[in-house]
């Protein structure tokens, strides 16, 4: 039952984040203007790069927490975590040094005016210091997630997201502008991890981060895993964050702002898919530690099938309603975001197919392959973006992402995961991916029919029509893609919820 709660709260956290962004983004643009919004997008793209100093240790912490929980090795767990805490503290100091170097040269690199350069420098220092503080604090989140308590981290994230949105709206309303946006964001970036500290100690009996437990042997052990996850994380960050930097090198800040809107929606579609796979990641580690290979195979096959049952209708309906979403949300001046969004959504579909596959590969010792594959995807994306932007503008940058995603994630990562689990690739696509496709036909037919009868003139109509189309999708999926046992399990859960209690899942999960 715990894994179901983890997944449910992950999606709830995601929905809250989307709602906050939905209301905040046009409000921010109206208060600071398109140029400064483009600058804000550029700043976030660069600050995200500082997160690469994590070096993959957070993912390693989740893996080892899961494996130690499976084997009940508290001594080994504490040695690894204390070692990581010391390493993270050092990396935080490196982060601050990096901020100092970048802030001295950013104005020249991006041809900023004196006013925008000053704001850029302030933001870089404040947000960069927040990242530096978060490096050791991120270990707290990893402890909870790796121990299977993702519902706790999700709940804290929900509260902090709502606080952040409220304070940003208040500071902008009071006229503090870009400076207020910077201070508020930097503060709340640290707040979530601070709040999680007592929960980590409460839910992890015998937990100790005492530096005395630091072990050079553990550093080498963790580095063997984390280094390659670091490379994979670098690749993901490049894929998600490098586009604004490329665009600013060729086009003005307004173009960065236009692309940022389409990319932001696509990024949230990506994180929608990640909620499911992230929630299952500790289960893979615990199954690995406990020798439950059949559970790992089920994560690959059934986990992909269920995650796509959420990703496919969301991505497809967003593709269908892209014009309405962009124009109703941001207005005609962001019309250029529409084709960007649609191209990126196709890339997101390919990414969704491989998310569980990549986790299964990485958490079972083949993390080197995952890292090299993702780096290849990032390299293809970057090279093609630099070429395509000169001929096709913003759409060319989006097409570069699409080509990279299809080439690496569909043609390389998925087949590798299938071979690792001795599953024919054809069986994976027919049993894990195939069931999510047929329900699209009636769902999109309903969406088209409703749009013809009543074009969505506001978000209420858009939500009603999109919700009706999504309901058709889930109904057809339940009827065609679930086994009788799965339908019986779902009915039992719904019945228990109506009675105000939940049955304990088999095995205590």
Protein backbone atom coordinates (compact mmCIF):
# COMPACT_ATOMS: atom_id res chain seq x y z
CA UNK A 1 0.00 0.00 0.00
CA UNK A 2 2.92 2.34 0.74
CA UNK A 3 4.00 2.40 -2.91
CA UNK A 4 0.47 3.31 -4.02
CA UNK A 5 0.42 6.20 -1.52
CA UNK A 6 3.88 7.30 -2.70
CA UNK A 7 2.74 7.36 -6.32
CA UNK A 8 -0.54 9.12 -5.49
CA UNK A 9 1.18 11.86 -3.45
CA UNK A 10 3.81 12.26 -6.19
CA UNK A 11 1.07 13.05 -8.69
CA UNK A 12 -0.69 15.31 -6.20
CA UNK A 13 2.55 17.24 -5.68
CA UNK A 14 2.94 17.48 -9.44
CA UNK A 15 -0.62 18.78 -9.89
CA UNK A 16 -0.10 21.43 -7.20
CA UNK A 17 3.10 22.55 -8.94
CA UNK A 18 1.31 22.82 -12.28
CA UNK A 19 -1.52 24.85 -10.77
CA UNK A 20 0.99 27.19 -9.10
CA UNK A 21 2.90 27.69 -12.36
CA UNK A 22 -0.35 28.12 -14.28
CA UNK A 23 -1.42 31.07 -12.17
CA UNK A 24 2.00 32.53 -11.45
CA UNK A 25 3.59 32.61 -14.91
CA UNK A 26 1.27 35.12 -16.63
CA UNK A 27 1.21 37.15 -13.42
CA UNK A 28 5.02 37.27 -13.33
CA UNK A 29 5.19 38.26 -17.01
CA UNK A 30 2.64 41.04 -16.44
CA UNK A 31 4.67 42.42 -13.52
CA UNK A 32 8.23 42.21 -14.88
CA UNK A 33 7.71 42.14 -18.69
CA UNK A 34 8.85 39.71 -21.41
CA UNK A 35 12.50 40.78 -21.43
CA UNK A 36 12.99 40.20 -17.71
CA UNK A 37 10.98 36.98 -17.92
CA UNK A 38 13.42 35.85 -20.61
CA UNK A 39 16.27 36.83 -18.26
CA UNK A 40 14.62 34.87 -15.43
CA UNK A 41 14.39 31.79 -17.69
CA UNK A 42 18.05 32.18 -18.63
CA UNK A 43 19.06 32.53 -14.96
CA UNK A 44 17.21 29.36 -14.01
CA UNK A 45 18.83 27.47 -16.87
CA UNK A 46 22.27 28.44 -15.56
CA UNK A 47 21.49 27.87 -11.87
CA UNK A 48 20.25 24.39 -12.77
CA UNK A 49 23.74 23.68 -14.07
CA UNK A 50 25.08 24.27 -10.55
CA UNK A 51 22.95 21.32 -9.50
CA UNK A 52 25.33 19.12 -11.49
CA UNK A 53 27.74 19.45 -8.57
CA UNK A 54 25.53 16.86 -6.89
CA UNK A 55 27.70 14.41 -8.90
CA UNK A 56 24.94 11.81 -8.79
CA UNK A 57 25.31 11.23 -5.04
CA UNK A 58 21.61 11.84 -4.36
CA UNK A 59 20.61 9.00 -6.66
CA UNK A 60 23.32 6.83 -5.13
CA UNK A 61 21.89 7.60 -1.67
CA UNK A 62 18.43 6.46 -2.81
CA UNK A 63 19.91 3.25 -4.22
CA UNK A 64 21.92 2.40 -1.09
CA UNK A 65 19.07 3.34 1.24
CA UNK A 66 16.84 0.91 -0.65
CA UNK A 67 19.40 -1.89 -0.66
CA UNK A 68 20.32 -1.42 3.02
CA UNK A 69 16.61 -1.41 3.90
CA UNK A 70 16.24 -4.69 2.02
CA UNK A 71 19.22 -6.24 3.86
CA UNK A 72 18.64 -4.40 7.21
CA UNK A 73 22.28 -3.22 7.34
CA UNK A 74 22.13 -0.08 9.54
CA UNK A 75 25.89 0.15 10.06
CA UNK A 76 26.62 0.19 6.34
CA UNK A 77 23.79 2.65 5.74
CA UNK A 78 25.12 5.14 8.29
CA UNK A 79 28.66 4.89 6.97
CA UNK A 80 27.51 5.70 3.43
CA UNK A 81 25.22 8.53 4.51
CA UNK A 82 27.76 10.16 6.84
CA UNK A 83 30.39 9.92 4.11
CA UNK A 84 28.04 11.54 1.63
CA UNK A 85 27.22 14.34 4.08
CA UNK A 86 30.91 15.24 4.40
CA UNK A 87 31.39 15.08 0.62
CA UNK A 88 28.28 17.21 0.02
CA UNK A 89 29.53 19.89 2.40
CA UNK A 90 32.71 20.17 0.37
CA UNK A 91 30.75 20.33 -2.86
CA UNK A 92 28.69 23.20 -1.43
CA UNK A 93 31.89 25.23 -1.06
CA UNK A 94 32.84 24.36 -4.63
CA UNK A 95 29.42 25.58 -5.76
CA UNK A 96 29.93 29.00 -4.14
CA UNK A 97 33.33 29.31 -5.82
CA UNK A 98 31.72 28.47 -9.18
CA UNK A 99 29.08 31.14 -8.65
CA UNK A 100 31.82 33.72 -8.06
CA UNK A 101 33.58 32.79 -11.30
CA UNK A 102 30.44 32.72 -13.45
CA UNK A 103 29.04 35.99 -12.04
CA UNK A 104 32.21 37.84 -13.10
CA UNK A 105 31.86 36.87 -16.76
CA UNK A 106 28.14 36.32 -17.43
CA UNK A 107 27.54 39.89 -18.63
CA UNK A 108 30.09 39.50 -21.40
CA UNK A 109 28.94 36.02 -22.34
CA UNK A 110 25.29 37.01 -22.86
CA UNK A 111 25.65 40.65 -23.96
CA UNK A 112 23.51 41.93 -21.10
CA UNK A 113 22.75 45.59 -20.42
CA UNK A 114 24.06 47.16 -17.22
CA UNK A 115 20.62 46.88 -15.56
CA UNK A 116 20.01 43.26 -16.56
CA UNK A 117 23.60 42.34 -15.68
CA UNK A 118 23.11 43.67 -12.15
CA UNK A 119 19.90 41.66 -11.68
CA UNK A 120 21.57 38.63 -13.23
CA UNK A 121 24.47 38.86 -10.76
CA UNK A 122 22.20 39.23 -7.72
CA UNK A 123 20.06 36.29 -8.83
CA UNK A 124 23.09 34.17 -9.57
CA UNK A 125 24.56 34.74 -6.11
CA UNK A 126 21.32 34.22 -4.18
CA UNK A 127 20.08 31.19 -6.11
CA UNK A 128 23.59 29.75 -6.38
CA UNK A 129 24.05 29.97 -2.60
CA UNK A 130 20.67 28.29 -2.16
CA UNK A 131 21.90 25.42 -4.36
CA UNK A 132 25.13 25.23 -2.31
CA UNK A 133 23.16 24.94 0.95
CA UNK A 134 20.84 22.38 -0.60
CA UNK A 135 23.66 20.07 -1.68
CA UNK A 136 24.15 18.53 1.80
CA UNK A 137 20.46 19.02 2.65
CA UNK A 138 19.38 17.02 -0.42
CA UNK A 139 20.67 13.98 1.46
CA UNK A 140 17.66 14.31 3.76
CA UNK A 141 15.28 13.96 0.82
CA UNK A 142 17.24 10.96 -0.49
CA UNK A 143 17.05 9.26 2.92
CA UNK A 144 13.26 9.55 2.99
CA UNK A 145 12.77 8.55 -0.64
CA UNK A 146 15.21 5.64 -0.46
CA UNK A 147 13.49 4.39 2.69
CA UNK A 148 10.15 4.31 0.89
CA UNK A 149 8.74 7.43 2.60
CA UNK A 150 8.26 9.48 -0.57
CA UNK A 151 4.80 10.50 0.64
CA UNK A 152 6.49 12.59 3.34
CA UNK A 153 8.73 14.46 0.90
CA UNK A 154 5.78 14.96 -1.44
CA UNK A 155 3.63 16.43 1.34
CA UNK A 156 6.37 18.85 2.34
CA UNK A 157 6.85 19.83 -1.31
CA UNK A 158 3.15 20.57 -1.66
CA UNK A 159 3.12 22.88 1.37
CA UNK A 160 6.32 24.69 0.33
CA UNK A 161 5.04 25.11 -3.25
CA UNK A 162 1.88 26.78 -1.99
CA UNK A 163 3.87 29.01 0.37
CA UNK A 164 6.29 29.94 -2.41
CA UNK A 165 3.49 30.81 -4.85
CA UNK A 166 1.67 32.91 -2.27
CA UNK A 167 4.76 34.87 -1.23
CA UNK A 168 5.86 35.48 -4.83
CA UNK A 169 2.40 36.79 -5.70
CA UNK A 170 2.44 39.07 -2.65
CA UNK A 171 5.94 40.47 -3.28
CA UNK A 172 5.19 41.19 -6.94
CA UNK A 173 1.85 42.75 -6.03
CA UNK A 174 3.62 45.03 -3.54
CA UNK A 175 5.93 46.18 -6.32
CA UNK A 176 9.21 44.47 -5.37
CA UNK A 177 9.59 43.23 -8.96
CA UNK A 178 12.44 41.01 -10.06
CA UNK A 179 14.37 41.48 -6.81
CA UNK A 180 11.44 40.21 -4.74
CA UNK A 181 11.09 37.24 -7.09
CA UNK A 182 14.77 36.37 -6.60
CA UNK A 183 14.74 36.60 -2.78
CA UNK A 184 11.52 34.63 -2.39
CA UNK A 185 12.61 31.85 -4.73
CA UNK A 186 16.03 31.48 -3.09
CA UNK A 187 14.49 31.26 0.38
CA UNK A 188 11.88 28.64 -0.46
CA UNK A 189 14.44 26.56 -2.37
CA UNK A 190 16.11 25.82 0.98
CA UNK A 191 12.94 25.68 3.09
CA UNK A 192 11.67 22.31 1.85
CA UNK A 193 14.82 20.39 2.76
CA UNK A 194 15.07 22.06 6.18
CA UNK A 195 11.51 21.02 7.03
CA UNK A 196 12.30 17.40 6.03
CA UNK A 197 15.18 17.00 8.51
CA UNK A 198 13.14 15.87 11.57
CA UNK A 199 11.08 13.50 9.39
CA UNK A 200 14.24 11.81 8.09
CA UNK A 201 15.42 11.01 11.63
CA UNK A 202 11.93 9.97 12.74
CA UNK A 203 11.35 7.47 9.94
CA UNK A 204 14.92 6.09 9.86
CA UNK A 205 15.67 4.36 13.19
CA UNK A 206 19.31 4.58 14.21
CA UNK A 207 20.13 7.16 11.54
CA UNK A 208 23.45 8.97 12.06
CA UNK A 209 25.25 11.52 9.88
CA UNK A 210 28.18 11.88 12.28
CA UNK A 211 31.29 12.90 10.28
CA UNK A 212 33.30 10.47 12.43
CA UNK A 213 31.75 7.68 10.33
CA UNK A 214 33.35 9.10 7.19
CA UNK A 215 35.04 6.34 5.19
CA UNK A 216 37.36 6.74 2.20
CA UNK A 217 36.48 3.20 1.19
CA UNK A 218 32.80 4.20 1.05
CA UNK A 219 33.68 7.23 -1.09
CA UNK A 220 35.24 4.95 -3.71
CA UNK A 221 32.31 2.54 -3.49
CA UNK A 222 29.67 5.24 -3.91
CA UNK A 223 31.69 7.08 -6.56
CA UNK A 224 31.74 3.96 -8.71
CA UNK A 225 27.95 4.25 -8.94
CA UNK A 226 27.35 7.97 -8.55
CA UNK A 227 29.90 9.10 -11.15
CA UNK A 228 27.93 7.52 -13.93
CA UNK A 229 24.63 8.74 -12.55
CA UNK A 230 26.24 12.17 -12.41
CA UNK A 231 26.97 11.90 -16.12
CA UNK A 232 23.36 10.85 -16.72
CA UNK A 233 22.10 13.80 -14.64
CA UNK A 234 24.38 16.15 -16.58
CA UNK A 235 22.82 14.84 -19.76
CA UNK A 236 19.26 15.35 -18.48
CA UNK A 237 20.08 18.90 -17.32
CA UNK A 238 21.62 19.72 -20.68
CA UNK A 239 18.56 18.39 -22.46
CA UNK A 240 16.16 20.34 -20.23
CA UNK A 241 18.16 23.53 -19.61
CA UNK A 242 20.65 24.17 -22.40
CA UNK A 243 18.10 25.39 -24.96
CA UNK A 244 17.68 28.91 -23.46
CA UNK A 245 21.46 29.36 -23.51
CA UNK A 246 21.64 28.26 -27.17
CA UNK A 247 18.72 30.51 -28.12
CA UNK A 248 20.19 33.56 -26.37
CA UNK A 249 23.42 33.03 -28.33
CA UNK A 250 21.52 33.59 -31.60
CA UNK A 251 18.27 35.40 -30.73
CA UNK A 252 17.02 38.12 -28.30
CA UNK A 253 15.61 37.59 -24.79
CA UNK A 254 12.04 37.73 -26.15
CA UNK A 255 12.76 34.55 -28.14
CA UNK A 256 14.02 32.90 -24.95
CA UNK A 257 10.73 33.86 -23.26
CA UNK A 258 8.61 32.44 -26.10
CA UNK A 259 10.53 29.15 -26.15
CA UNK A 260 10.49 28.97 -22.34
CA UNK A 261 6.69 28.80 -22.23
CA UNK A 262 6.46 25.83 -24.60
CA UNK A 263 9.45 24.18 -22.91
CA UNK A 264 7.98 24.72 -19.43
CA UNK A 265 4.74 22.94 -20.33
CA UNK A 266 6.69 20.10 -21.97
CA UNK A 267 8.96 19.88 -18.93
CA UNK A 268 5.96 19.45 -16.66
CA UNK A 269 4.70 16.72 -18.97
CA UNK A 270 8.11 15.07 -18.52
CA UNK A 271 7.93 15.36 -14.73
CA UNK A 272 4.41 13.93 -14.82
CA UNK A 273 5.90 10.77 -16.26
CA UNK A 274 8.81 10.86 -13.82
CA UNK A 275 6.48 10.75 -10.79
CA UNK A 276 5.60 7.12 -11.45
CA UNK A 277 9.12 5.90 -12.28
CA UNK A 278 10.69 7.84 -9.39
CA UNK A 279 8.24 6.28 -6.94
CA UNK A 280 9.21 2.81 -8.19
CA UNK A 281 12.98 3.45 -8.10
CA UNK A 282 13.40 2.53 -4.39
CA UNK A 283 11.31 -0.60 -5.02
CA UNK A 284 13.82 -1.69 -7.67
CA UNK A 285 16.71 -1.15 -5.22
CA UNK A 286 14.97 -2.97 -2.38
CA UNK A 287 14.08 -5.86 -4.71
CA UNK A 288 17.69 -5.99 -5.85
CA UNK A 289 18.91 -6.09 -2.22
CA UNK A 290 16.34 -8.78 -1.36
CA UNK A 291 16.99 -10.89 -4.48
CA UNK A 292 13.44 -10.45 -5.85
CA UNK A 293 14.22 -10.45 -9.57
CA UNK A 294 10.61 -11.10 -10.60
CA UNK A 295 9.57 -7.81 -9.00
CA UNK A 296 12.13 -5.92 -11.10
CA UNK A 297 10.75 -7.50 -14.26
CA UNK A 298 7.24 -6.45 -13.25
CA UNK A 299 8.45 -2.89 -12.70
CA UNK A 300 9.74 -2.85 -16.28
CA UNK A 301 6.64 -4.37 -17.87
CA UNK A 302 3.67 -3.47 -15.66
CA UNK A 303 5.25 -0.26 -14.39
CA UNK A 304 5.70 0.99 -17.95
CA UNK A 305 2.15 -0.03 -18.90
CA UNK A 306 0.59 1.83 -15.97
CA UNK A 307 2.82 4.90 -16.29
CA UNK A 308 1.94 5.20 -19.98
CA UNK A 309 -1.75 4.97 -19.12
CA UNK A 310 -1.25 8.38 -17.49
CA UNK A 311 1.42 9.82 -19.79
CA UNK A 312 -0.18 9.00 -23.14
CA UNK A 313 -3.58 10.70 -22.64
CA UNK A 314 -1.95 13.69 -20.94
CA UNK A 315 0.62 14.22 -23.72
CA UNK A 316 -1.85 13.51 -26.53
CA UNK A 317 -4.61 15.78 -25.26
CA UNK A 318 -2.07 18.51 -24.54
CA UNK A 319 -0.88 18.15 -28.14
CA UNK A 320 -4.50 18.42 -29.36
CA UNK A 321 -5.29 21.48 -27.24
CA UNK A 322 -1.87 23.18 -27.60
CA UNK A 323 -3.30 26.25 -29.38
CA UNK A 324 -5.98 26.78 -26.78
CA UNK A 325 -3.63 26.21 -23.83
CA UNK A 326 -0.98 28.68 -25.01
CA UNK A 327 -3.31 31.41 -26.26
CA UNK A 328 -5.72 31.27 -23.33
CA UNK A 329 -2.85 31.13 -20.83
CA UNK A 330 -0.31 33.60 -22.21
CA UNK A 331 -1.97 35.45 -25.12
CA UNK A 332 -1.20 36.00 -28.81
CA UNK A 333 2.35 37.28 -28.23
CA UNK A 334 3.32 33.73 -27.23
CA UNK A 335 1.79 32.07 -30.32
CA UNK A 336 5.29 30.99 -31.34
CA UNK A 337 5.28 28.64 -28.36
CA UNK A 338 2.59 26.43 -29.94
CA UNK A 339 4.71 24.55 -32.52
CA UNK A 340 7.57 24.35 -30.00
CA UNK A 341 5.25 22.70 -27.48
CA UNK A 342 3.88 20.18 -29.98
CA UNK A 343 7.33 19.11 -31.15
CA UNK A 344 8.59 18.73 -27.58
CA UNK A 345 5.51 16.70 -26.59
CA UNK A 346 6.36 14.07 -29.20
CA UNK A 347 9.84 13.87 -27.66
CA UNK A 348 8.27 13.53 -24.21
CA UNK A 349 6.29 10.49 -25.40
CA UNK A 350 9.51 8.70 -26.39
CA UNK A 351 11.04 9.66 -23.06
CA UNK A 352 8.02 8.29 -21.18
CA UNK A 353 8.42 4.89 -22.80
CA UNK A 354 11.98 4.44 -21.51
CA UNK A 355 11.82 5.92 -17.98
CA UNK A 356 11.23 2.64 -16.15
CA UNK A 357 13.63 0.88 -18.51
CA UNK A 358 16.42 3.33 -17.64
CA UNK A 359 15.79 2.90 -13.90
CA UNK A 360 15.82 -0.89 -14.15
CA UNK A 361 19.13 -0.76 -16.02
CA UNK A 362 20.79 1.74 -13.71
CA UNK A 363 19.63 0.28 -10.40
CA UNK A 364 20.86 -3.19 -11.40
CA UNK A 365 24.49 -2.27 -11.94
CA UNK A 366 24.45 -1.15 -15.59
CA UNK A 367 24.58 2.54 -14.68
CA UNK A 368 27.57 3.11 -16.96
CA UNK A 369 25.49 2.29 -20.00
CA UNK A 370 22.66 4.60 -18.87
CA UNK A 371 25.12 7.46 -18.37
CA UNK A 372 26.77 7.05 -21.76
CA UNK A 373 23.40 6.74 -23.49
CA UNK A 374 22.03 9.91 -21.91
CA UNK A 375 25.24 11.81 -22.64
CA UNK A 376 24.95 10.74 -26.27
CA UNK A 377 21.38 12.04 -26.32
CA UNK A 378 22.48 15.37 -24.85
CA UNK A 379 25.35 15.68 -27.33
CA UNK A 380 23.06 14.98 -30.28
CA UNK A 381 20.55 17.49 -28.92
CA UNK A 382 23.17 20.23 -28.45
CA UNK A 383 24.87 19.80 -31.82
CA UNK A 384 21.60 19.66 -33.74
CA UNK A 385 20.24 22.67 -31.80
CA UNK A 386 23.27 24.78 -32.80
CA UNK A 387 22.74 23.78 -36.43
CA UNK A 388 18.95 23.84 -36.67
CA UNK A 389 18.42 27.19 -34.92
CA UNK A 390 20.22 28.92 -37.77
CA UNK A 391 17.78 27.53 -40.33
CA UNK A 392 14.53 26.85 -38.46
CA UNK A 393 14.69 29.16 -35.43
CA UNK A 394 12.94 28.01 -32.25
CA UNK A 395 11.27 25.05 -33.97
CA UNK A 396 14.70 23.78 -34.98
CA UNK A 397 15.83 23.69 -31.34
CA UNK A 398 12.72 21.67 -30.44
CA UNK A 399 13.27 19.26 -33.36
CA UNK A 400 16.82 18.64 -32.11
CA UNK A 401 15.36 17.44 -28.79
CA UNK A 402 12.87 15.20 -30.60
CA UNK A 403 15.50 13.53 -32.79
CA UNK A 404 17.83 12.92 -29.85
CA UNK A 405 15.03 11.42 -27.74
CA UNK A 406 13.88 9.00 -30.42
CA UNK A 407 17.39 7.92 -31.42
CA UNK A 408 18.75 7.15 -27.96
CA UNK A 409 15.79 6.48 -25.72
CA UNK A 410 13.69 4.36 -28.06
CA UNK A 411 16.36 2.68 -30.17
CA UNK A 412 19.08 2.18 -27.55
CA UNK A 413 17.87 2.26 -23.93
CA UNK A 414 14.65 0.25 -24.27
CA UNK A 415 16.24 -2.66 -26.20
CA UNK A 416 19.07 -2.80 -23.63
CA UNK A 417 16.61 -3.07 -20.72
CA UNK A 418 14.71 -5.82 -22.51
CA UNK A 419 17.90 -7.82 -23.05
CA UNK A 420 18.86 -7.35 -19.39
CA UNK A 421 15.56 -8.90 -18.27
CA UNK A 422 15.48 -11.54 -21.06
CA UNK A 423 12.35 -10.01 -22.56
CA UNK A 424 11.98 -9.78 -26.36
CA UNK A 425 11.71 -6.13 -27.44
CA UNK A 426 8.59 -6.98 -29.44
CA UNK A 427 6.93 -8.32 -26.30
CA UNK A 428 7.81 -5.12 -24.42
CA UNK A 429 6.22 -2.92 -27.07
CA UNK A 430 3.12 -5.12 -27.45
CA UNK A 431 2.50 -5.76 -23.73
CA UNK A 432 3.92 -2.66 -22.01
CA UNK A 433 3.48 0.08 -24.65
CA UNK A 434 0.79 -1.25 -26.99
CA UNK A 435 -2.16 -1.27 -24.52
CA UNK A 436 -1.90 2.53 -24.05
CA UNK A 437 -2.44 3.33 -27.75
CA UNK A 438 -5.95 1.98 -28.74
CA UNK A 439 -7.85 4.04 -26.09
CA UNK A 440 -6.47 7.17 -27.79
CA UNK A 441 -8.78 6.79 -30.79
CA UNK A 442 -12.11 7.20 -28.95
CA UNK A 443 -10.55 9.76 -26.59
CA UNK A 444 -9.33 12.05 -29.37
CA UNK A 445 -12.59 11.53 -31.28
CA UNK A 446 -14.49 12.83 -28.25
CA UNK A 447 -12.07 15.76 -27.90
CA UNK A 448 -12.51 16.68 -31.58
CA UNK A 449 -16.29 16.33 -31.45
CA UNK A 450 -16.65 18.48 -28.34
CA UNK A 451 -14.31 21.12 -29.78
CA UNK A 452 -16.46 21.27 -32.92
CA UNK A 453 -19.63 21.67 -30.89
CA UNK A 454 -18.15 24.19 -28.45
CA UNK A 455 -14.67 25.59 -29.17
CA UNK A 456 -12.90 26.07 -25.81
CA UNK A 457 -13.29 29.80 -25.22
CA UNK A 458 -11.95 29.70 -21.66
CA UNK A 459 -10.17 27.33 -19.31
CA UNK A 460 -13.40 26.02 -17.82
CA UNK A 461 -14.51 24.69 -21.21
CA UNK A 462 -11.01 23.41 -21.87
CA UNK A 463 -10.96 21.48 -18.60
CA UNK A 464 -14.46 20.09 -19.10
CA UNK A 465 -13.82 18.91 -22.66
CA UNK A 466 -10.32 17.63 -21.90
CA UNK A 467 -11.60 15.91 -18.76
CA UNK A 468 -14.38 14.18 -20.71
CA UNK A 469 -11.87 12.97 -23.32
CA UNK A 470 -9.51 11.74 -20.58
CA UNK A 471 -12.38 9.91 -18.85
CA UNK A 472 -13.15 8.09 -22.10
CA UNK A 473 -9.47 7.12 -22.37
CA UNK A 474 -9.27 5.70 -18.84
CA UNK A 475 -12.56 3.84 -19.24
CA UNK A 476 -11.42 2.17 -22.44
CA UNK A 477 -7.97 1.46 -20.98
CA UNK A 478 -9.51 -0.21 -17.91
CA UNK A 479 -11.71 -2.34 -20.15
CA UNK A 480 -9.03 -3.38 -22.62
CA UNK A 481 -5.62 -3.15 -20.96
CA UNK A 482 -6.18 -4.45 -17.41
CA UNK A 483 -6.28 -8.13 -16.52
CA UNK A 484 -9.25 -9.49 -14.55
CA UNK A 485 -7.02 -9.68 -11.46
CA UNK A 486 -5.98 -6.03 -11.83
CA UNK A 487 -9.59 -4.91 -12.25
CA UNK A 488 -10.57 -6.90 -9.15
CA UNK A 489 -7.70 -5.32 -7.20
CA UNK A 490 -8.78 -1.83 -8.30
CA UNK A 491 -12.39 -2.50 -7.31
CA UNK A 492 -11.25 -3.74 -3.89
CA UNK A 493 -9.20 -0.58 -3.32
CA UNK A 494 -12.07 1.68 -4.36
CA UNK A 495 -14.48 -0.24 -2.15
CA UNK A 496 -12.10 0.05 0.80
CA UNK A 497 -11.74 3.78 0.24
CA UNK A 498 -15.52 4.19 0.24
CA UNK A 499 -15.64 2.34 3.55
CA UNK A 500 -12.94 4.65 4.91
CA UNK A 501 -10.12 2.10 5.19
CA UNK A 502 -7.51 0.61 2.91
CA UNK A 503 -6.59 -3.09 2.83
CA UNK A 504 -2.94 -3.91 3.45
CA UNK A 505 -1.21 -4.86 0.22
CA UNK A 506 0.40 -8.28 -0.04
CA UNK A 507 3.91 -8.31 1.37
CA UNK A 508 3.40 -5.02 3.21
CA UNK A 509 4.22 -2.95 0.13
